[in-house]
């Protein structure tokens, strides 16, 4: 019986004391997650604005539109940083078009 207790304690101590590798996100993952989060939030805001306009409500449209554009522009910056971290060339034309789209939404109000 004492042998069983000794082995059990040894196993428990091995798992408790042994160094564990942290499953942390890489900087690339952080920037990609930031891009997806912000771009999805911006699209969600624009969809809500569209629904409200179809229902006839213009409440805070401009303010929410600017918030969506701000999030979209920040998402683009995160995507550019993610490409830099990954060591690849970003698709400049697509990013340029996206930047123009968000800037036009920002400046419409």
C-alpha atoms as a PDB file:
ATOM      1  CA  UNK A   1       0.000   0.000   0.000  1.00  0.00           C
ATOM      2  CA  UNK A   2       2.826   2.413   0.818  1.00  0.00           C
ATOM      3  CA  UNK A   3       4.391   1.701  -2.557  1.00  0.00           C
ATOM      4  CA  UNK A   4       1.115   2.730  -4.298  1.00  0.00           C
ATOM      5  CA  UNK A   5       0.988   5.990  -2.319  1.00  0.00           C
ATOM      6  CA  UNK A   6       4.652   6.708  -3.094  1.00  0.00           C
ATOM      7  CA  UNK A   7       4.148   6.147  -6.835  1.00  0.00           C
ATOM      8  CA  UNK A   8       0.976   8.272  -6.846  1.00  0.00           C
ATOM      9  CA  UNK A   9       2.758  11.126  -5.054  1.00  0.00           C
ATOM     10  CA  UNK A  10       5.697  10.850  -7.412  1.00  0.00           C
ATOM     11  CA  UNK A  11       3.408  11.083 -10.447  1.00  0.00           C
ATOM     12  CA  UNK A  12       1.508  14.043  -9.000  1.00  0.00           C
ATOM     13  CA  UNK A  13       4.703  15.899  -8.139  1.00  0.00           C
ATOM     14  CA  UNK A  14       6.069  15.249 -11.609  1.00  0.00           C
ATOM     15  CA  UNK A  15       3.043  16.875 -13.210  1.00  0.00           C
ATOM     16  CA  UNK A  16       2.899  19.764 -10.739  1.00  0.00           C
ATOM     17  CA  UNK A  17       6.598  20.617 -10.601  1.00  0.00           C
ATOM     18  CA  UNK A  18       7.624  19.889 -14.179  1.00  0.00           C
ATOM     19  CA  UNK A  19       7.866  22.943 -16.413  1.00  0.00           C
ATOM     20  CA  UNK A  20       4.980  23.353 -18.760  1.00  0.00           C
ATOM     21  CA  UNK A  21       5.022  25.026 -22.093  1.00  0.00           C
ATOM     22  CA  UNK A  22       2.683  27.942 -22.364  1.00  0.00           C
ATOM     23  CA  UNK A  23       0.320  27.779 -25.286  1.00  0.00           C
ATOM     24  CA  UNK A  24       0.594  31.453 -26.010  1.00  0.00           C
ATOM     25  CA  UNK A  25      -0.417  33.145 -29.206  1.00  0.00           C
ATOM     26  CA  UNK A  26       2.303  34.286 -31.517  1.00  0.00           C
ATOM     27  CA  UNK A  27       2.393  37.967 -32.492  1.00  0.00           C
ATOM     28  CA  UNK A  28       1.102  36.935 -35.912  1.00  0.00           C
ATOM     29  CA  UNK A  29      -1.920  35.275 -34.271  1.00  0.00           C
ATOM     30  CA  UNK A  30      -2.573  38.377 -32.194  1.00  0.00           C
ATOM     31  CA  UNK A  31      -2.643  40.636 -35.258  1.00  0.00           C
ATOM     32  CA  UNK A  32      -4.780  38.216 -37.272  1.00  0.00           C
ATOM     33  CA  UNK A  33      -7.279  37.835 -34.430  1.00  0.00           C
ATOM     34  CA  UNK A  34      -7.376  41.612 -34.057  1.00  0.00           C
ATOM     35  CA  UNK A  35      -8.017  41.967 -37.797  1.00  0.00           C
ATOM     36  CA  UNK A  36     -10.871  39.447 -37.794  1.00  0.00           C
ATOM     37  CA  UNK A  37     -12.452  40.848 -34.640  1.00  0.00           C
ATOM     38  CA  UNK A  38     -12.404  44.453 -35.804  1.00  0.00           C
ATOM     39  CA  UNK A  39     -13.478  43.778 -39.376  1.00  0.00           C
ATOM     40  CA  UNK A  40     -16.359  41.577 -38.199  1.00  0.00           C
ATOM     41  CA  UNK A  41     -17.474  44.218 -35.718  1.00  0.00           C
ATOM     42  CA  UNK A  42     -17.335  46.912 -38.419  1.00  0.00           C
ATOM     43  CA  UNK A  43     -19.423  44.786 -40.791  1.00  0.00           C
ATOM     44  CA  UNK A  44     -21.901  44.057 -38.007  1.00  0.00           C
ATOM     45  CA  UNK A  45     -22.342  47.783 -37.341  1.00  0.00           C
ATOM     46  CA  UNK A  46     -22.881  48.468 -41.046  1.00  0.00           C
ATOM     47  CA  UNK A  47     -25.474  45.671 -41.259  1.00  0.00           C
ATOM     48  CA  UNK A  48     -27.316  47.137 -38.251  1.00  0.00           C
ATOM     49  CA  UNK A  49     -27.283  50.565 -39.889  1.00  0.00           C
ATOM     50  CA  UNK A  50     -28.658  49.068 -43.105  1.00  0.00           C
ATOM     51  CA  UNK A  51     -31.448  47.299 -41.203  1.00  0.00           C
ATOM     52  CA  UNK A  52     -32.314  50.462 -39.269  1.00  0.00           C
ATOM     53  CA  UNK A  53     -32.428  52.517 -42.460  1.00  0.00           C
ATOM     54  CA  UNK A  54     -34.753  49.975 -44.090  1.00  0.00           C
ATOM     55  CA  UNK A  55     -37.017  50.291 -41.056  1.00  0.00           C
ATOM     56  CA  UNK A  56     -36.982  54.075 -41.404  1.00  0.00           C
ATOM     57  CA  UNK A  57     -34.769  54.923 -38.429  1.00  0.00           C
ATOM     58  CA  UNK A  58     -31.836  57.293 -38.896  1.00  0.00           C
ATOM     59  CA  UNK A  59     -30.831  57.291 -35.234  1.00  0.00           C
ATOM     60  CA  UNK A  60     -27.074  57.830 -34.787  1.00  0.00           C
ATOM     61  CA  UNK A  61     -26.364  56.637 -38.335  1.00  0.00           C
ATOM     62  CA  UNK A  62     -23.452  58.964 -38.879  1.00  0.00           C
ATOM     63  CA  UNK A  63     -21.855  58.266 -35.511  1.00  0.00           C
ATOM     64  CA  UNK A  64     -22.132  54.497 -35.951  1.00  0.00           C
ATOM     65  CA  UNK A  65     -20.901  54.725 -39.537  1.00  0.00           C
ATOM     66  CA  UNK A  66     -17.786  56.551 -38.356  1.00  0.00           C
ATOM     67  CA  UNK A  67     -17.219  53.935 -35.662  1.00  0.00           C
ATOM     68  CA  UNK A  68     -17.462  51.140 -38.249  1.00  0.00           C
ATOM     69  CA  UNK A  69     -15.019  52.961 -40.525  1.00  0.00           C
ATOM     70  CA  UNK A  70     -12.595  53.528 -37.659  1.00  0.00           C
ATOM     71  CA  UNK A  71     -12.698  49.816 -36.811  1.00  0.00           C
ATOM     72  CA  UNK A  72     -12.224  48.903 -40.480  1.00  0.00           C
ATOM     73  CA  UNK A  73      -9.160  51.114 -40.782  1.00  0.00           C
ATOM     74  CA  UNK A  74      -7.682  49.647 -37.586  1.00  0.00           C
ATOM     75  CA  UNK A  75      -8.371  46.155 -38.922  1.00  0.00           C
ATOM     76  CA  UNK A  76      -6.427  47.005 -42.087  1.00  0.00           C
ATOM     77  CA  UNK A  77      -3.459  48.144 -40.001  1.00  0.00           C
ATOM     78  CA  UNK A  78      -3.522  44.888 -38.054  1.00  0.00           C
ATOM     79  CA  UNK A  79      -3.616  42.905 -41.283  1.00  0.00           C
ATOM     80  CA  UNK A  80      -0.618  44.806 -42.653  1.00  0.00           C
ATOM     81  CA  UNK A  81       1.315  44.114 -39.438  1.00  0.00           C
ATOM     82  CA  UNK A  82       0.349  40.438 -39.641  1.00  0.00           C
ATOM     83  CA  UNK A  83       1.765  40.244 -43.168  1.00  0.00           C
ATOM     84  CA  UNK A  84       4.955  41.948 -41.967  1.00  0.00           C
ATOM     85  CA  UNK A  85       5.255  39.486 -39.071  1.00  0.00           C
ATOM     86  CA  UNK A  86       4.717  36.580 -41.440  1.00  0.00           C
ATOM     87  CA  UNK A  87       7.429  37.886 -43.730  1.00  0.00           C
ATOM     88  CA  UNK A  88       5.189  38.019 -46.777  1.00  0.00           C
ATOM     89  CA  UNK A  89       4.199  40.846 -49.061  1.00  0.00           C
ATOM     90  CA  UNK A  90       0.640  42.075 -48.417  1.00  0.00           C
ATOM     91  CA  UNK A  91      -1.797  42.276 -51.346  1.00  0.00           C
ATOM     92  CA  UNK A  92      -1.326  45.994 -51.895  1.00  0.00           C
ATOM     93  CA  UNK A  93      -4.174  46.480 -54.349  1.00  0.00           C
ATOM     94  CA  UNK A  94      -6.740  44.774 -52.113  1.00  0.00           C
ATOM     95  CA  UNK A  95      -5.561  46.704 -49.066  1.00  0.00           C
ATOM     96  CA  UNK A  96      -5.624  49.955 -51.010  1.00  0.00           C
ATOM     97  CA  UNK A  97      -9.209  49.308 -52.125  1.00  0.00           C
ATOM     98  CA  UNK A  98     -10.253  48.389 -48.609  1.00  0.00           C
ATOM     99  CA  UNK A  99      -8.596  51.525 -47.244  1.00  0.00           C
ATOM    100  CA  UNK A 100     -10.472  53.665 -49.784  1.00  0.00           C
ATOM    101  CA  UNK A 101     -13.772  51.994 -48.917  1.00  0.00           C
ATOM    102  CA  UNK A 102     -13.390  52.630 -45.187  1.00  0.00           C
ATOM    103  CA  UNK A 103     -12.166  56.195 -45.732  1.00  0.00           C
ATOM    104  CA  UNK A 104     -15.149  56.972 -47.975  1.00  0.00           C
ATOM    105  CA  UNK A 105     -17.513  55.610 -45.309  1.00  0.00           C
ATOM    106  CA  UNK A 106     -15.733  57.729 -42.709  1.00  0.00           C
ATOM    107  CA  UNK A 107     -15.925  60.888 -44.824  1.00  0.00           C
ATOM    108  CA  UNK A 108     -19.534  60.508 -46.025  1.00  0.00           C
ATOM    109  CA  UNK A 109     -21.034  62.000 -42.886  1.00  0.00           C
END
